[in-house]
Amino acid sequence: MVASRGRVRVERLVAELGWSRKRRWSRFRAQVGLTPKRVARLIRFDHAAHRLVTGHGAASVAAESGYADQSHLHRDVMACSGMTPVAVAASPFLAIDDVAWPPGRG
């Protein structure tokens, strides 16, 4: 999920394991505390937020992060952070985490 930046289809993960969707979701939620779909959404949001902070435009971030369009990105950013993409882009706390986001990553 992390390697694909949240863009992997949950159904594909289930098929690879040979488990039923219900069992996979149950086991995943028991171990992680969230459903696979929610985790994928948060990973995708994290990637998009950091791209916004580094100065990339919302339309290009939406396209490269797997959102259907810019309004889809906007809705997801609002749901995950309570801020607009412009406000997220201006958030200095996202730009200073060079452990999670070392230079050249992104």
N, C-alpha and C. Protein backbone atom coordinates (compact mmCIF):
# COMPACT_ATOMS: atom_id res chain seq x y z
N MET A 1 0.83 -1.19 0.00
CA MET A 1 0.00 0.00 0.00
C MET A 1 0.87 1.26 0.00
N VAL A 2 1.91 1.24 0.79
CA VAL A 2 2.79 2.40 0.86
C VAL A 2 3.56 2.57 -0.45
N ALA A 3 4.06 1.48 -1.00
CA ALA A 3 4.83 1.57 -2.24
C ALA A 3 4.02 2.16 -3.39
N SER A 4 2.71 1.89 -3.40
CA SER A 4 1.86 2.45 -4.46
C SER A 4 1.26 3.79 -4.07
N ARG A 5 1.67 4.30 -2.91
CA ARG A 5 1.15 5.56 -2.36
C ARG A 5 -0.37 5.54 -2.23
N GLY A 6 -0.89 4.39 -1.81
CA GLY A 6 -2.32 4.27 -1.57
C GLY A 6 -3.16 4.04 -2.80
N ARG A 7 -2.51 3.77 -3.93
CA ARG A 7 -3.26 3.64 -5.18
C ARG A 7 -3.56 2.20 -5.56
N VAL A 8 -3.20 1.24 -4.71
CA VAL A 8 -3.48 -0.16 -5.00
C VAL A 8 -4.95 -0.45 -4.72
N ARG A 9 -5.55 -1.27 -5.54
CA ARG A 9 -6.95 -1.65 -5.34
C ARG A 9 -7.02 -2.69 -4.23
N VAL A 10 -7.88 -2.48 -3.28
CA VAL A 10 -8.03 -3.40 -2.16
C VAL A 10 -8.40 -4.79 -2.67
N GLU A 11 -9.21 -4.85 -3.71
CA GLU A 11 -9.61 -6.14 -4.27
C GLU A 11 -8.39 -6.93 -4.75
N ARG A 12 -7.38 -6.21 -5.27
CA ARG A 12 -6.17 -6.88 -5.74
C ARG A 12 -5.40 -7.49 -4.57
N LEU A 13 -5.36 -6.77 -3.46
CA LEU A 13 -4.69 -7.30 -2.27
C LEU A 13 -5.39 -8.56 -1.77
N VAL A 14 -6.70 -8.52 -1.77
CA VAL A 14 -7.50 -9.66 -1.31
C VAL A 14 -7.25 -10.86 -2.22
N ALA A 15 -7.23 -10.64 -3.52
CA ALA A 15 -7.02 -11.73 -4.48
C ALA A 15 -5.63 -12.36 -4.30
N GLU A 16 -4.62 -11.53 -4.02
CA GLU A 16 -3.27 -12.05 -3.84
C GLU A 16 -3.17 -12.98 -2.63
N LEU A 17 -3.96 -12.72 -1.61
CA LEU A 17 -3.92 -13.55 -0.40
C LEU A 17 -4.77 -14.79 -0.50
N GLY A 18 -5.75 -14.75 -1.37
CA GLY A 18 -6.65 -15.89 -1.49
C GLY A 18 -7.70 -15.93 -0.39
N TRP A 19 -7.82 -14.87 0.38
CA TRP A 19 -8.82 -14.79 1.43
C TRP A 19 -10.06 -14.10 0.89
N SER A 20 -11.16 -14.30 1.57
CA SER A 20 -12.36 -13.56 1.20
C SER A 20 -12.16 -12.10 1.61
N ARG A 21 -12.90 -11.25 0.95
CA ARG A 21 -12.81 -9.82 1.26
C ARG A 21 -13.15 -9.56 2.73
N LYS A 22 -14.18 -10.23 3.21
CA LYS A 22 -14.61 -10.03 4.60
C LYS A 22 -13.52 -10.45 5.59
N ARG A 23 -12.89 -11.59 5.32
CA ARG A 23 -11.83 -12.05 6.22
C ARG A 23 -10.64 -11.10 6.19
N ARG A 24 -10.24 -10.67 5.00
CA ARG A 24 -9.10 -9.76 4.88
C ARG A 24 -9.35 -8.47 5.62
N TRP A 25 -10.52 -7.87 5.45
CA TRP A 25 -10.85 -6.62 6.12
C TRP A 25 -10.86 -6.81 7.63
N SER A 26 -11.42 -7.94 8.08
CA SER A 26 -11.49 -8.23 9.50
C SER A 26 -10.09 -8.36 10.10
N ARG A 27 -9.24 -9.13 9.45
CA ARG A 27 -7.88 -9.33 9.95
C ARG A 27 -7.07 -8.04 9.90
N PHE A 28 -7.20 -7.29 8.82
CA PHE A 28 -6.48 -6.04 8.66
C PHE A 28 -6.90 -5.05 9.75
N ARG A 29 -8.20 -4.93 9.95
CA ARG A 29 -8.71 -4.00 10.94
C ARG A 29 -8.29 -4.40 12.35
N ALA A 30 -8.26 -5.69 12.63
CA ALA A 30 -7.84 -6.17 13.94
C ALA A 30 -6.37 -5.81 14.20
N GLN A 31 -5.53 -5.89 13.18
CA GLN A 31 -4.11 -5.62 13.34
C GLN A 31 -3.76 -4.13 13.29
N VAL A 32 -4.42 -3.39 12.41
CA VAL A 32 -4.07 -1.99 12.17
C VAL A 32 -5.02 -1.02 12.87
N GLY A 33 -6.26 -1.42 13.01
CA GLY A 33 -7.24 -0.54 13.64
C GLY A 33 -8.07 0.25 12.64
N LEU A 34 -7.75 0.11 11.37
CA LEU A 34 -8.48 0.78 10.29
C LEU A 34 -8.70 -0.22 9.17
N THR A 35 -9.66 0.07 8.31
CA THR A 35 -9.88 -0.79 7.15
C THR A 35 -8.79 -0.53 6.11
N PRO A 36 -8.53 -1.49 5.23
CA PRO A 36 -7.53 -1.27 4.18
C PRO A 36 -7.85 -0.04 3.31
N LYS A 37 -9.10 0.18 3.03
CA LYS A 37 -9.49 1.32 2.20
C LYS A 37 -9.15 2.64 2.90
N ARG A 38 -9.39 2.71 4.20
CA ARG A 38 -9.09 3.92 4.96
C ARG A 38 -7.58 4.17 5.01
N VAL A 39 -6.82 3.10 5.20
CA VAL A 39 -5.36 3.24 5.22
C VAL A 39 -4.85 3.73 3.87
N ALA A 40 -5.36 3.15 2.79
CA ALA A 40 -4.96 3.59 1.45
C ALA A 40 -5.30 5.06 1.24
N ARG A 41 -6.45 5.48 1.71
CA ARG A 41 -6.86 6.88 1.57
C ARG A 41 -5.91 7.80 2.33
N LEU A 42 -5.53 7.41 3.55
CA LEU A 42 -4.62 8.24 4.34
C LEU A 42 -3.22 8.29 3.73
N ILE A 43 -2.76 7.18 3.18
CA ILE A 43 -1.45 7.17 2.51
C ILE A 43 -1.48 8.10 1.30
N ARG A 44 -2.56 8.02 0.52
CA ARG A 44 -2.70 8.88 -0.66
C ARG A 44 -2.77 10.35 -0.25
N PHE A 45 -3.52 10.65 0.80
CA PHE A 45 -3.60 12.03 1.31
C PHE A 45 -2.23 12.52 1.76
N ASP A 46 -1.49 11.69 2.49
CA ASP A 46 -0.18 12.09 2.98
C ASP A 46 0.74 12.46 1.82
N HIS A 47 0.75 11.64 0.80
CA HIS A 47 1.57 11.94 -0.38
C HIS A 47 1.13 13.25 -1.03
N ALA A 48 -0.16 13.41 -1.22
CA ALA A 48 -0.68 14.63 -1.86
C ALA A 48 -0.36 15.86 -1.02
N ALA A 49 -0.53 15.78 0.29
CA ALA A 49 -0.26 16.93 1.16
C ALA A 49 1.20 17.37 1.05
N HIS A 50 2.10 16.41 1.04
CA HIS A 50 3.51 16.77 0.94
C HIS A 50 3.87 17.32 -0.44
N ARG A 51 3.21 16.85 -1.46
CA ARG A 51 3.43 17.42 -2.80
C ARG A 51 2.92 18.87 -2.85
N LEU A 52 1.79 19.13 -2.21
CA LEU A 52 1.26 20.49 -2.16
C LEU A 52 2.24 21.42 -1.43
N VAL A 53 2.79 20.96 -0.32
CA VAL A 53 3.72 21.76 0.46
C VAL A 53 4.99 22.09 -0.33
N THR A 54 5.41 21.19 -1.19
CA THR A 54 6.62 21.44 -1.95
C THR A 54 6.38 22.32 -3.18
N GLY A 55 5.16 22.85 -3.29
CA GLY A 55 4.88 23.84 -4.33
C GLY A 55 4.22 23.34 -5.58
N HIS A 56 3.84 22.09 -5.63
CA HIS A 56 3.16 21.56 -6.81
C HIS A 56 1.70 22.02 -6.81
N GLY A 57 1.17 22.30 -7.98
CA GLY A 57 -0.21 22.76 -8.11
C GLY A 57 -1.21 21.65 -7.82
N ALA A 58 -2.39 22.06 -7.36
CA ALA A 58 -3.41 21.10 -6.96
C ALA A 58 -3.83 20.19 -8.11
N ALA A 59 -3.94 20.72 -9.31
CA ALA A 59 -4.36 19.89 -10.44
C ALA A 59 -3.34 18.79 -10.75
N SER A 60 -2.05 19.14 -10.74
CA SER A 60 -1.04 18.12 -11.02
C SER A 60 -0.92 17.13 -9.87
N VAL A 61 -1.06 17.61 -8.64
CA VAL A 61 -1.02 16.71 -7.48
C VAL A 61 -2.18 15.73 -7.55
N ALA A 62 -3.36 16.23 -7.90
CA ALA A 62 -4.53 15.35 -8.01
C ALA A 62 -4.28 14.26 -9.05
N ALA A 63 -3.76 14.64 -10.19
CA ALA A 63 -3.54 13.68 -11.28
C ALA A 63 -2.49 12.64 -10.91
N GLU A 64 -1.39 13.06 -10.33
CA GLU A 64 -0.31 12.12 -10.02
C GLU A 64 -0.57 11.30 -8.77
N SER A 65 -1.50 11.73 -7.93
CA SER A 65 -1.79 11.02 -6.68
C SER A 65 -2.96 10.06 -6.79
N GLY A 66 -3.59 10.01 -7.94
CA GLY A 66 -4.66 9.04 -8.14
C GLY A 66 -6.06 9.55 -7.85
N TYR A 67 -6.21 10.85 -7.72
CA TYR A 67 -7.55 11.42 -7.54
C TYR A 67 -8.22 11.57 -8.90
N ALA A 68 -9.52 11.47 -8.94
CA ALA A 68 -10.25 11.57 -10.20
C ALA A 68 -10.08 12.95 -10.83
N ASP A 69 -10.05 13.97 -10.00
CA ASP A 69 -9.88 15.34 -10.48
C ASP A 69 -9.52 16.23 -9.29
N GLN A 70 -9.36 17.52 -9.56
CA GLN A 70 -8.96 18.46 -8.51
C GLN A 70 -10.01 18.59 -7.41
N SER A 71 -11.29 18.51 -7.76
CA SER A 71 -12.32 18.63 -6.73
C SER A 71 -12.32 17.40 -5.82
N HIS A 72 -11.97 16.24 -6.36
CA HIS A 72 -11.83 15.02 -5.55
C HIS A 72 -10.70 15.21 -4.53
N LEU A 73 -9.57 15.76 -4.99
CA LEU A 73 -8.46 16.07 -4.09
C LEU A 73 -8.93 17.04 -3.01
N HIS A 74 -9.63 18.08 -3.41
CA HIS A 74 -10.11 19.09 -2.46
C HIS A 74 -10.99 18.45 -1.37
N ARG A 75 -11.93 17.61 -1.77
CA ARG A 75 -12.82 16.95 -0.80
C ARG A 75 -12.04 16.06 0.15
N ASP A 76 -11.08 15.32 -0.39
CA ASP A 76 -10.30 14.42 0.45
C ASP A 76 -9.40 15.19 1.43
N VAL A 77 -8.78 16.25 0.96
CA VAL A 77 -7.93 17.07 1.84
C VAL A 77 -8.78 17.68 2.94
N MET A 78 -9.96 18.17 2.60
CA MET A 78 -10.86 18.73 3.62
C MET A 78 -11.28 17.66 4.63
N ALA A 79 -11.60 16.47 4.16
CA ALA A 79 -12.04 15.39 5.05
C ALA A 79 -10.92 14.92 5.96
N CYS A 80 -9.71 14.87 5.45
CA CYS A 80 -8.59 14.34 6.24
C CYS A 80 -7.94 15.38 7.16
N SER A 81 -7.98 16.64 6.75
CA SER A 81 -7.26 17.66 7.52
C SER A 81 -8.12 18.79 8.06
N GLY A 82 -9.32 18.96 7.49
CA GLY A 82 -10.14 20.09 7.89
C GLY A 82 -9.67 21.40 7.28
N MET A 83 -8.75 21.31 6.32
CA MET A 83 -8.21 22.49 5.65
C MET A 83 -8.34 22.34 4.15
N THR A 84 -8.30 23.45 3.45
CA THR A 84 -8.29 23.42 1.99
C THR A 84 -6.89 23.05 1.52
N PRO A 85 -6.76 22.64 0.26
CA PRO A 85 -5.42 22.35 -0.26
C PRO A 85 -4.48 23.56 -0.17
N VAL A 86 -4.99 24.76 -0.35
CA VAL A 86 -4.15 25.97 -0.24
C VAL A 86 -3.63 26.12 1.18
N ALA A 87 -4.49 25.89 2.17
CA ALA A 87 -4.07 25.98 3.58
C ALA A 87 -3.06 24.89 3.92
N VAL A 88 -3.28 23.69 3.40
CA VAL A 88 -2.32 22.61 3.63
C VAL A 88 -0.97 22.98 3.01
N ALA A 89 -0.98 23.53 1.81
CA ALA A 89 0.26 23.91 1.13
C ALA A 89 1.04 24.95 1.93
N ALA A 90 0.36 25.75 2.70
CA ALA A 90 1.01 26.79 3.50
C ALA A 90 1.37 26.32 4.91
N SER A 91 1.16 25.05 5.20
CA SER A 91 1.41 24.52 6.54
C SER A 91 2.89 24.19 6.70
N PRO A 92 3.62 25.00 7.47
CA PRO A 92 5.06 24.78 7.60
C PRO A 92 5.42 23.48 8.32
N PHE A 93 4.52 22.98 9.16
CA PHE A 93 4.84 21.75 9.89
C PHE A 93 5.00 20.55 8.97
N LEU A 94 4.42 20.57 7.78
CA LEU A 94 4.58 19.47 6.84
C LEU A 94 5.92 19.53 6.11
N ALA A 95 6.47 20.71 5.98
CA ALA A 95 7.69 20.89 5.19
C ALA A 95 8.96 20.54 5.97
N ILE A 96 8.90 20.42 7.29
CA ILE A 96 10.12 20.26 8.07
C ILE A 96 10.43 18.82 8.46
N ASP A 97 9.61 17.89 8.13
CA ASP A 97 9.82 16.50 8.53
C ASP A 97 10.74 15.79 7.55
N ASP A 98 12.06 16.02 7.70
CA ASP A 98 13.00 15.40 6.77
C ASP A 98 13.35 13.96 7.13
N VAL A 99 12.78 13.45 8.21
CA VAL A 99 12.95 12.03 8.53
C VAL A 99 11.96 11.22 7.70
N ALA A 100 10.68 11.62 7.76
CA ALA A 100 9.65 10.92 6.99
C ALA A 100 9.72 11.31 5.51
N TRP A 101 10.15 12.53 5.23
CA TRP A 101 10.20 13.02 3.85
C TRP A 101 11.60 13.58 3.57
N PRO A 102 12.60 12.69 3.43
CA PRO A 102 13.96 13.18 3.18
C PRO A 102 14.05 13.91 1.84
N PRO A 103 15.02 14.81 1.70
CA PRO A 103 15.18 15.52 0.43
C PRO A 103 15.28 14.56 -0.74
N GLY A 104 14.64 14.90 -1.83
CA GLY A 104 14.66 14.08 -3.03
C GLY A 104 13.54 13.06 -3.09
N ARG A 105 12.82 12.85 -2.00
CA ARG A 105 11.71 11.90 -2.01
C ARG A 105 10.46 12.64 -2.42
N GLY A 106 9.64 12.03 -3.21
CA GLY A 106 8.38 12.67 -3.51
C GLY A 106 8.04 12.54 -4.91
